[in-house]
């Protein structure tokens, strides 16, 4: 018992020397099971999903890890690796601070191995100030050793350095049968309309989605109630993601947390689904000539095969259905997708696109594009832009351009009644859920 107490004191002392180390991270590192509540909410998140960031910072750089996954996809064409979803100081600045390389400390039971980090980290975002100092979102990669599946990993700047913080390594589930589609959404934050969330969830079901990965950064009690309902019926994998430093709105540090949630979702479910859909809560990918996503992707795969130009991932052009436009009369305020059926011109190629990706291929994902693939897929086209006559990303919001540009786009708006194909089913399902959850 005395030795255990001494060990815990040393652990805590080591942690306190690290910049801004959260109490939650210390608790996680010494194996407690009691830190499981979403602050300010009645909804409980268990120890494995409580959203903490592990602080691996030192005197030379800041380094925060949200999660780590064991990646043994056959398409790597190599030994398995550990993928860390992280936010750190910009990697390009490390060398300016005399940090020329990083090392991974792999642990399994009493076995500890120190290996050189594999290559440079892959960015998954464009960065944002963290506590007024620039930081950036990355996927860091650690190699593994043959015959060793680590249970935790740390990052250090020299082979002799000690790190008290350990990040648990998650082994993704590998079911015998894969389902078709999972949606991965960037971290939920700000003001979300619970009625629109219900409508969006019910539409995803109609389109053929089996699971939605939801990561809560901030949300109202009512929105959390909606998420919890869908979590209880196993349609949502509900997780929490904490602010690393501050939730102060003026700091806008939420930007750094958005794509780490997407990448955690991809790695967590990469063996469970054939495809991942990357969209936000105010948009969805709508097949124009097919009834659902499965028929759409099957068609796109057939075309690629026939043209002898296989593509790993598909991106879909953006199309705004602005709230500034005239609405359809006699339609419930809770049915946004049916009420707003006027749209502006399709956005230019590459602007605010959204993706359907192959999770066996993608290594690091931005909100719009997959930015890299595993070795086995590098000979193929990484991304194929889909003809907007075949499918579009339908995007619902107020016009956010300049007044002049908004006026120009709104003047050229056209009617689009494609959502009427789902009118009866969507209306019925949304009414039922609103009554069940909110009334």
Protein backbone atom coordinates (compact mmCIF):
# COMPACT_ATOMS: atom_id res chain seq x y z
CA UNK A 1 0.00 0.00 0.00
CA UNK A 2 2.83 2.42 0.88
CA UNK A 3 4.51 1.75 -2.46
CA UNK A 4 1.22 2.38 -4.26
CA UNK A 5 0.75 5.74 -2.51
CA UNK A 6 4.32 6.77 -3.34
CA UNK A 7 3.78 5.75 -6.95
CA UNK A 8 0.62 7.86 -7.18
CA UNK A 9 2.32 10.89 -5.62
CA UNK A 10 5.17 10.63 -8.12
CA UNK A 11 2.68 10.30 -10.96
CA UNK A 12 0.79 13.42 -9.93
CA UNK A 13 3.99 15.40 -9.35
CA UNK A 14 5.25 14.48 -12.81
CA UNK A 15 1.94 15.51 -14.34
CA UNK A 16 1.86 18.90 -12.66
CA UNK A 17 5.15 19.85 -14.29
CA UNK A 18 3.42 19.66 -17.68
CA UNK A 19 1.74 22.75 -19.08
CA UNK A 20 -2.00 22.99 -18.37
CA UNK A 21 -2.35 19.31 -17.46
CA UNK A 22 -6.01 18.63 -16.71
CA UNK A 23 -7.12 16.80 -13.59
CA UNK A 24 -9.17 14.56 -15.85
CA UNK A 25 -6.04 13.35 -17.60
CA UNK A 26 -4.33 12.61 -14.29
CA UNK A 27 -7.33 10.61 -13.16
CA UNK A 28 -7.30 8.64 -16.39
CA UNK A 29 -3.60 7.88 -16.08
CA UNK A 30 -3.88 6.39 -12.58
CA UNK A 31 -6.81 4.24 -13.54
CA UNK A 32 -9.77 5.81 -11.72
CA UNK A 33 -13.27 5.04 -12.97
CA UNK A 34 -15.26 7.88 -11.46
CA UNK A 35 -14.70 10.73 -13.93
CA UNK A 36 -17.64 9.97 -16.18
CA UNK A 37 -20.08 12.88 -16.25
CA UNK A 38 -20.59 15.43 -18.97
CA UNK A 39 -20.24 18.65 -17.01
CA UNK A 40 -23.50 20.55 -16.75
CA UNK A 41 -25.61 17.74 -18.17
CA UNK A 42 -27.74 14.93 -16.86
CA UNK A 43 -26.37 12.63 -19.54
CA UNK A 44 -23.55 10.38 -18.37
CA UNK A 45 -20.58 9.35 -20.51
CA UNK A 46 -18.56 6.39 -19.31
CA UNK A 47 -14.81 6.43 -18.68
CA UNK A 48 -13.93 5.36 -22.21
CA UNK A 49 -15.80 8.22 -23.87
CA UNK A 50 -15.48 11.13 -21.49
CA UNK A 51 -13.71 13.33 -24.00
CA UNK A 52 -10.46 14.23 -22.27
CA UNK A 53 -7.29 15.22 -24.11
CA UNK A 54 -4.05 13.65 -22.91
CA UNK A 55 -1.41 16.29 -22.34
CA UNK A 56 1.97 15.09 -23.66
CA UNK A 57 3.45 18.61 -23.72
CA UNK A 58 6.96 19.40 -22.52
CA UNK A 59 9.20 22.48 -22.25
CA UNK A 60 9.73 22.62 -26.03
CA UNK A 61 6.27 22.10 -27.50
CA UNK A 62 2.59 21.62 -26.72
CA UNK A 63 1.12 18.24 -27.61
CA UNK A 64 -2.43 17.07 -26.87
CA UNK A 65 -3.85 13.69 -27.91
CA UNK A 66 -7.55 12.89 -28.10
CA UNK A 67 -7.25 9.20 -29.03
CA UNK A 68 -4.93 6.49 -30.34
CA UNK A 69 -5.86 3.52 -32.55
CA UNK A 70 -4.15 0.30 -33.57
CA UNK A 71 -4.16 0.32 -37.37
CA UNK A 72 -3.48 -3.05 -38.98
CA UNK A 73 -5.32 -2.54 -42.25
CA UNK A 74 -3.96 -4.91 -44.93
CA UNK A 75 -3.76 -1.94 -47.30
CA UNK A 76 -0.85 -0.54 -45.28
CA UNK A 77 1.42 -3.19 -46.87
CA UNK A 78 3.51 -2.98 -43.70
CA UNK A 79 3.50 -3.83 -40.03
CA UNK A 80 0.64 -2.25 -38.06
CA UNK A 81 0.98 1.31 -36.77
CA UNK A 82 -0.55 3.45 -34.03
CA UNK A 83 -2.52 6.51 -35.19
CA UNK A 84 -2.79 9.41 -32.75
CA UNK A 85 -5.45 12.07 -33.25
CA UNK A 86 -3.75 15.17 -31.92
CA UNK A 87 -3.42 18.93 -31.69
CA UNK A 88 0.11 20.29 -31.30
CA UNK A 89 2.27 23.27 -32.02
CA UNK A 90 2.86 23.45 -35.80
CA UNK A 91 5.26 20.60 -36.58
CA UNK A 92 7.38 22.85 -38.81
CA UNK A 93 8.36 24.81 -35.70
CA UNK A 94 9.72 21.80 -33.81
CA UNK A 95 13.11 21.96 -35.54
CA UNK A 96 13.43 25.63 -34.59
CA UNK A 97 13.27 24.48 -30.98
CA UNK A 98 16.03 21.90 -31.43
CA UNK A 99 13.55 19.04 -31.59
CA UNK A 100 14.79 17.04 -34.56
CA UNK A 101 12.86 13.84 -33.96
CA UNK A 102 10.16 12.33 -31.79
CA UNK A 103 9.97 8.91 -30.18
CA UNK A 104 7.04 6.68 -29.35
CA UNK A 105 6.98 4.83 -26.03
CA UNK A 106 4.99 1.63 -26.53
CA UNK A 107 3.73 -0.22 -23.48
CA UNK A 108 2.11 -3.58 -22.98
CA UNK A 109 1.85 -4.82 -19.41
CA UNK A 110 5.41 -4.57 -18.05
CA UNK A 111 7.02 -4.46 -21.51
CA UNK A 112 8.20 -1.02 -22.69
CA UNK A 113 9.71 -0.27 -26.10
CA UNK A 114 10.93 3.06 -27.46
CA UNK A 115 10.80 3.52 -31.24
CA UNK A 116 11.37 6.44 -33.57
CA UNK A 117 8.18 8.08 -34.82
CA UNK A 118 7.27 7.19 -38.38
CA UNK A 119 7.64 10.17 -40.73
CA UNK A 120 6.09 13.56 -40.24
CA UNK A 121 2.57 13.99 -38.90
CA UNK A 122 -0.23 14.42 -41.42
CA UNK A 123 -2.35 17.56 -41.05
CA UNK A 124 -6.12 17.21 -40.81
CA UNK A 125 -6.84 20.93 -40.56
CA UNK A 126 -5.37 24.38 -41.16
CA UNK A 127 -4.72 25.28 -37.53
CA UNK A 128 -5.95 27.96 -35.15
CA UNK A 129 -4.56 29.85 -32.14
CA UNK A 130 -4.70 27.81 -28.94
CA UNK A 131 -4.39 30.12 -25.93
CA UNK A 132 -3.38 32.82 -28.46
CA UNK A 133 -0.50 30.73 -29.87
CA UNK A 134 -0.80 28.90 -33.19
CA UNK A 135 -1.55 25.18 -33.08
CA UNK A 136 -2.63 22.64 -35.68
CA UNK A 137 -4.61 19.40 -35.99
CA UNK A 138 -2.66 16.25 -36.99
CA UNK A 139 -2.58 12.50 -37.27
CA UNK A 140 0.74 11.33 -35.77
CA UNK A 141 1.91 7.79 -36.58
CA UNK A 142 3.95 5.43 -34.41
CA UNK A 143 5.41 2.17 -35.77
CA UNK A 144 4.89 -1.06 -33.87
CA UNK A 145 7.10 -4.10 -33.31
CA UNK A 146 6.26 -7.54 -34.60
CA UNK A 147 4.34 -9.56 -32.03
CA UNK A 148 3.48 -6.56 -29.82
CA UNK A 149 0.06 -4.90 -29.70
CA UNK A 150 0.61 -1.94 -27.34
CA UNK A 151 -2.02 -1.09 -24.76
CA UNK A 152 -0.78 2.50 -24.39
CA UNK A 153 1.52 4.98 -26.12
CA UNK A 154 3.41 8.14 -25.16
CA UNK A 155 5.38 10.66 -27.20
CA UNK A 156 8.77 11.96 -26.07
CA UNK A 157 11.63 13.95 -27.65
CA UNK A 158 14.47 11.64 -26.62
CA UNK A 159 14.92 7.95 -25.88
CA UNK A 160 15.72 8.67 -22.26
CA UNK A 161 12.85 11.05 -21.54
CA UNK A 162 10.08 9.95 -19.20
CA UNK A 163 6.39 10.68 -19.84
CA UNK A 164 3.88 10.14 -17.06
CA UNK A 165 0.95 10.58 -19.45
CA UNK A 166 -0.06 7.47 -21.39
CA UNK A 167 -2.70 7.35 -24.10
CA UNK A 168 -4.72 4.10 -24.18
CA UNK A 169 -4.54 2.37 -27.57
CA UNK A 170 -7.96 1.37 -28.92
CA UNK A 171 -8.35 -1.77 -31.04
CA UNK A 172 -11.21 -1.06 -33.47
CA UNK A 173 -14.04 -3.57 -33.61
CA UNK A 174 -13.91 -6.17 -36.39
CA UNK A 175 -17.37 -7.64 -36.94
CA UNK A 176 -17.81 -10.61 -39.24
CA UNK A 177 -20.18 -8.64 -41.48
CA UNK A 178 -19.67 -5.03 -42.47
CA UNK A 179 -22.58 -2.63 -42.77
CA UNK A 180 -22.82 -0.16 -45.64
CA UNK A 181 -22.61 3.42 -44.32
CA UNK A 182 -21.53 5.32 -41.23
CA UNK A 183 -21.72 9.12 -41.06
CA UNK A 184 -18.87 10.93 -39.30
CA UNK A 185 -19.73 14.50 -38.29
CA UNK A 186 -17.37 17.17 -37.03
CA UNK A 187 -17.66 17.97 -33.31
CA UNK A 188 -21.05 19.39 -32.35
CA UNK A 189 -20.87 22.91 -30.92
CA UNK A 190 -22.84 26.14 -30.65
CA UNK A 191 -26.56 26.52 -31.24
CA UNK A 192 -28.14 23.46 -32.80
CA UNK A 193 -31.87 23.16 -33.50
CA UNK A 194 -33.18 19.90 -31.92
CA UNK A 195 -35.97 19.65 -34.49
CA UNK A 196 -33.53 19.92 -37.36
CA UNK A 197 -31.30 17.29 -35.75
CA UNK A 198 -34.28 14.91 -35.62
CA UNK A 199 -35.13 15.61 -39.27
CA UNK A 200 -31.50 15.11 -40.28
CA UNK A 201 -31.24 11.80 -38.38
CA UNK A 202 -34.43 10.46 -39.92
CA UNK A 203 -33.29 11.42 -43.41
CA UNK A 204 -29.96 9.62 -42.87
CA UNK A 205 -31.92 6.46 -42.03
CA UNK A 206 -33.95 6.80 -45.24
CA UNK A 207 -30.75 7.22 -47.25
CA UNK A 208 -29.39 3.95 -45.85
CA UNK A 209 -27.06 5.05 -43.03
CA UNK A 210 -26.68 2.59 -40.11
CA UNK A 211 -24.69 4.69 -37.62
CA UNK A 212 -23.77 8.32 -36.94
CA UNK A 213 -20.68 9.24 -34.90
CA UNK A 214 -21.54 12.27 -32.74
CA UNK A 215 -18.92 14.09 -30.66
CA UNK A 216 -20.28 16.72 -28.28
CA UNK A 217 -18.12 19.78 -27.71
CA UNK A 218 -21.03 21.91 -26.51
CA UNK A 219 -24.79 21.57 -26.87
CA UNK A 220 -28.02 22.47 -25.09
CA UNK A 221 -29.81 20.06 -22.78
CA UNK A 222 -32.54 19.60 -25.38
CA UNK A 223 -30.10 18.73 -28.16
CA UNK A 224 -28.30 16.32 -25.83
CA UNK A 225 -31.65 14.70 -25.12
CA UNK A 226 -32.11 14.14 -28.86
CA UNK A 227 -28.62 12.67 -29.24
CA UNK A 228 -29.19 10.42 -26.23
CA UNK A 229 -32.41 9.08 -27.73
CA UNK A 230 -30.68 8.06 -30.95
CA UNK A 231 -27.79 6.67 -28.93
CA UNK A 232 -30.20 4.50 -26.94
CA UNK A 233 -31.61 3.06 -30.17
CA UNK A 234 -28.04 2.35 -31.38
CA UNK A 235 -28.22 4.74 -34.32
CA UNK A 236 -25.73 7.20 -32.77
CA UNK A 237 -22.33 6.50 -31.23
CA UNK A 238 -22.37 9.38 -28.71
CA UNK A 239 -19.09 10.67 -27.37
CA UNK A 240 -17.77 13.76 -25.63
CA UNK A 241 -14.84 15.92 -26.71
CA UNK A 242 -13.54 18.51 -24.24
CA UNK A 243 -12.07 21.91 -25.01
CA UNK A 244 -8.30 21.71 -24.71
CA UNK A 245 -7.97 25.20 -23.29
CA UNK A 246 -11.06 27.42 -23.32
CA UNK A 247 -14.64 27.41 -24.55
CA UNK A 248 -14.74 31.20 -24.65
CA UNK A 249 -16.65 32.02 -27.87
CA UNK A 250 -14.39 34.93 -28.84
CA UNK A 251 -11.34 32.63 -28.91
CA UNK A 252 -13.03 30.33 -31.47
CA UNK A 253 -10.84 27.46 -30.32
CA UNK A 254 -13.61 25.07 -31.32
CA UNK A 255 -12.01 25.12 -34.80
CA UNK A 256 -9.18 22.91 -33.52
CA UNK A 257 -11.58 20.23 -32.23
CA UNK A 258 -13.71 19.65 -35.32
CA UNK A 259 -11.60 17.36 -37.53
CA UNK A 260 -10.11 15.33 -34.65
CA UNK A 261 -13.68 14.14 -34.02
CA UNK A 262 -14.06 13.12 -37.67
CA UNK A 263 -10.80 11.17 -37.69
CA UNK A 264 -11.55 9.46 -34.38
CA UNK A 265 -14.86 8.32 -35.89
CA UNK A 266 -13.17 6.97 -39.02
CA UNK A 267 -10.51 4.98 -37.17
CA UNK A 268 -12.96 3.76 -34.54
CA UNK A 269 -15.36 2.30 -37.10
CA UNK A 270 -13.07 1.59 -40.06
CA UNK A 271 -13.66 -2.18 -39.99
CA UNK A 272 -17.40 -1.97 -39.32
CA UNK A 273 -18.47 -0.13 -42.49
CA UNK A 274 -17.76 -0.29 -46.19
CA UNK A 275 -18.01 3.48 -46.62
CA UNK A 276 -17.93 6.59 -44.46
CA UNK A 277 -19.99 9.69 -45.23
CA UNK A 278 -18.40 12.97 -44.07
CA UNK A 279 -21.01 15.73 -43.71
CA UNK A 280 -22.24 18.30 -41.16
CA UNK A 281 -25.62 18.58 -39.45
CA UNK A 282 -26.82 21.27 -41.89
CA UNK A 283 -26.26 19.21 -45.04
CA UNK A 284 -26.56 15.77 -46.61
CA UNK A 285 -25.52 14.00 -49.79
CA UNK A 286 -28.59 13.57 -51.99
CA UNK A 287 -28.64 11.08 -54.88
CA UNK A 288 -30.40 12.70 -57.83
CA UNK A 289 -30.98 9.57 -59.89
CA UNK A 290 -30.92 6.87 -57.20
CA UNK A 291 -33.10 6.14 -54.20
CA UNK A 292 -30.36 5.78 -51.60
CA UNK A 293 -26.63 5.96 -50.96
CA UNK A 294 -26.04 2.26 -51.62
CA UNK A 295 -27.49 2.48 -55.13
CA UNK A 296 -25.53 5.68 -55.73
CA UNK A 297 -22.16 4.30 -54.68
CA UNK A 298 -22.75 1.01 -56.51
CA UNK A 299 -23.35 3.02 -59.67
CA UNK A 300 -20.23 5.16 -59.13
CA UNK A 301 -18.12 2.05 -58.57
CA UNK A 302 -19.49 0.45 -61.75
CA UNK A 303 -18.67 3.56 -63.78
CA UNK A 304 -15.13 3.66 -62.39
CA UNK A 305 -14.61 0.01 -63.24
CA UNK A 306 -16.02 0.42 -66.76
CA UNK A 307 -13.78 3.44 -67.37
CA UNK A 308 -10.77 1.60 -65.94
CA UNK A 309 -10.18 4.54 -63.64
CA UNK A 310 -10.87 3.29 -60.11
CA UNK A 311 -11.20 6.00 -57.48
CA UNK A 312 -10.93 5.48 -53.75
CA UNK A 313 -13.16 8.33 -52.54
CA UNK A 314 -15.96 10.43 -53.99
CA UNK A 315 -16.61 14.14 -53.41
CA UNK A 316 -19.92 15.90 -54.05
CA UNK A 317 -20.45 19.48 -55.20
CA UNK A 318 -22.03 21.90 -52.75
CA UNK A 319 -25.51 23.35 -53.38
CA UNK A 320 -27.00 25.97 -51.05
CA UNK A 321 -30.67 26.03 -50.10
CA UNK A 322 -30.52 29.41 -48.39
CA UNK A 323 -33.01 30.30 -45.65
CA UNK A 324 -33.28 33.74 -47.27
CA UNK A 325 -35.28 32.20 -50.11
CA UNK A 326 -39.05 31.80 -50.32
CA UNK A 327 -40.42 28.82 -48.43
CA UNK A 328 -43.11 26.30 -49.29
CA UNK A 329 -46.47 27.09 -47.72
CA UNK A 330 -48.39 24.70 -45.50
CA UNK A 331 -45.23 22.84 -44.48
CA UNK A 332 -44.28 22.31 -40.84
CA UNK A 333 -41.59 24.56 -39.41
CA UNK A 334 -39.91 21.36 -38.23
CA UNK A 335 -39.41 20.07 -41.80
CA UNK A 336 -36.60 22.26 -43.08
CA UNK A 337 -35.68 20.03 -46.02
CA UNK A 338 -39.27 20.01 -47.30
CA UNK A 339 -40.00 23.64 -46.49
CA UNK A 340 -36.95 25.10 -48.24
CA UNK A 341 -37.07 23.85 -51.81
CA UNK A 342 -35.46 26.75 -53.63
CA UNK A 343 -31.73 26.68 -54.29
CA UNK A 344 -29.01 28.84 -55.80
CA UNK A 345 -26.55 27.70 -58.45
CA UNK A 346 -24.25 24.79 -57.65
CA UNK A 347 -21.03 26.02 -55.99
CA UNK A 348 -17.78 26.00 -57.97
CA UNK A 349 -15.75 22.80 -58.18
CA UNK A 350 -13.89 22.19 -54.91
CA UNK A 351 -15.86 24.71 -52.85
CA UNK A 352 -17.31 23.28 -49.60
CA UNK A 353 -17.55 19.77 -51.06
CA UNK A 354 -18.33 16.74 -48.91
CA UNK A 355 -17.10 13.18 -49.23
CA UNK A 356 -17.92 9.50 -49.17
CA UNK A 357 -14.68 7.67 -48.41
CA UNK A 358 -13.29 4.15 -48.22
CA UNK A 359 -12.18 3.68 -44.58
CA UNK A 360 -9.75 0.95 -45.59
CA UNK A 361 -7.86 3.57 -47.58
CA UNK A 362 -8.07 7.00 -45.96
CA UNK A 363 -5.29 7.90 -43.50
CA UNK A 364 -6.11 11.53 -42.64
CA UNK A 365 -9.35 13.35 -43.27
CA UNK A 366 -10.20 17.02 -43.44
CA UNK A 367 -13.80 18.21 -43.21
CA UNK A 368 -14.09 18.24 -47.00
CA UNK A 369 -11.48 15.88 -48.49
CA UNK A 370 -9.50 12.80 -47.55
CA UNK A 371 -5.94 14.15 -47.68
CA UNK A 372 -4.08 10.82 -47.96
CA UNK A 373 -4.43 7.07 -48.49
CA UNK A 374 -2.62 3.88 -47.53
CA UNK A 375 0.14 2.50 -49.73
CA UNK A 376 -2.03 -0.08 -51.51
CA UNK A 377 -4.31 2.69 -52.85
CA UNK A 378 -1.70 5.23 -53.95
CA UNK A 379 -1.75 3.97 -57.54
CA UNK A 380 -5.45 4.80 -57.84
CA UNK A 381 -7.11 8.17 -58.08
CA UNK A 382 -7.57 9.39 -54.51
CA UNK A 383 -10.71 11.42 -55.20
CA UNK A 384 -13.39 11.55 -57.91
CA UNK A 385 -15.65 14.59 -58.19
CA UNK A 386 -19.19 13.39 -58.88
CA UNK A 387 -21.29 14.98 -61.61
CA UNK A 388 -23.89 17.23 -59.87
CA UNK A 389 -26.53 15.70 -62.13
CA UNK A 390 -25.88 12.41 -60.31
CA UNK A 391 -25.67 13.62 -56.71
CA UNK A 392 -25.19 16.81 -54.71
CA UNK A 393 -24.36 17.95 -51.21
CA UNK A 394 -27.50 19.87 -50.21
CA UNK A 395 -26.57 22.57 -47.71
CA UNK A 396 -29.12 24.53 -45.61
CA UNK A 397 -28.22 27.88 -43.99
CA UNK A 398 -28.60 31.65 -44.26
CA UNK A 399 -26.59 33.31 -47.00
CA UNK A 400 -23.18 34.13 -45.53
CA UNK A 401 -21.60 35.98 -48.47
CA UNK A 402 -21.45 39.75 -48.92
CA UNK A 403 -24.77 41.53 -49.35
CA UNK A 404 -24.05 42.08 -53.04
CA UNK A 405 -23.07 38.47 -53.67
CA UNK A 406 -26.08 37.15 -51.72
CA UNK A 407 -28.43 39.34 -53.72
CA UNK A 408 -26.89 38.09 -56.97
CA UNK A 409 -27.20 34.42 -55.98
CA UNK A 410 -30.71 34.74 -54.57
CA UNK A 411 -31.98 36.41 -57.76
CA UNK A 412 -30.98 33.33 -59.78
CA UNK A 413 -32.55 30.78 -57.42
CA UNK A 414 -34.56 27.89 -58.88
CA UNK A 415 -37.13 25.44 -57.58
CA UNK A 416 -35.94 21.94 -56.63
CA UNK A 417 -38.58 19.42 -55.57
CA UNK A 418 -36.37 16.34 -55.29
CA UNK A 419 -37.13 16.06 -51.56
CA UNK A 420 -40.78 15.36 -52.34
CA UNK A 421 -39.85 11.75 -53.05
CA UNK A 422 -39.35 11.36 -49.28
CA UNK A 423 -42.19 13.66 -48.19
CA UNK A 424 -44.61 11.15 -46.66
CA UNK A 425 -42.05 8.91 -45.02
CA UNK A 426 -39.88 11.74 -43.69
CA UNK A 427 -42.88 13.74 -42.40
CA UNK A 428 -44.32 10.72 -40.63
CA UNK A 429 -41.01 9.70 -39.05
CA UNK A 430 -40.14 13.22 -37.87
CA UNK A 431 -43.59 13.76 -36.33
CA UNK A 432 -43.27 10.48 -34.46
CA UNK A 433 -39.82 11.29 -33.09
CA UNK A 434 -40.75 14.84 -32.07
CA UNK A 435 -43.66 13.48 -30.10
CA UNK A 436 -41.53 10.73 -28.58
CA UNK A 437 -38.53 12.90 -27.63
CA UNK A 438 -39.60 16.53 -27.24
CA UNK A 439 -43.33 16.74 -26.55
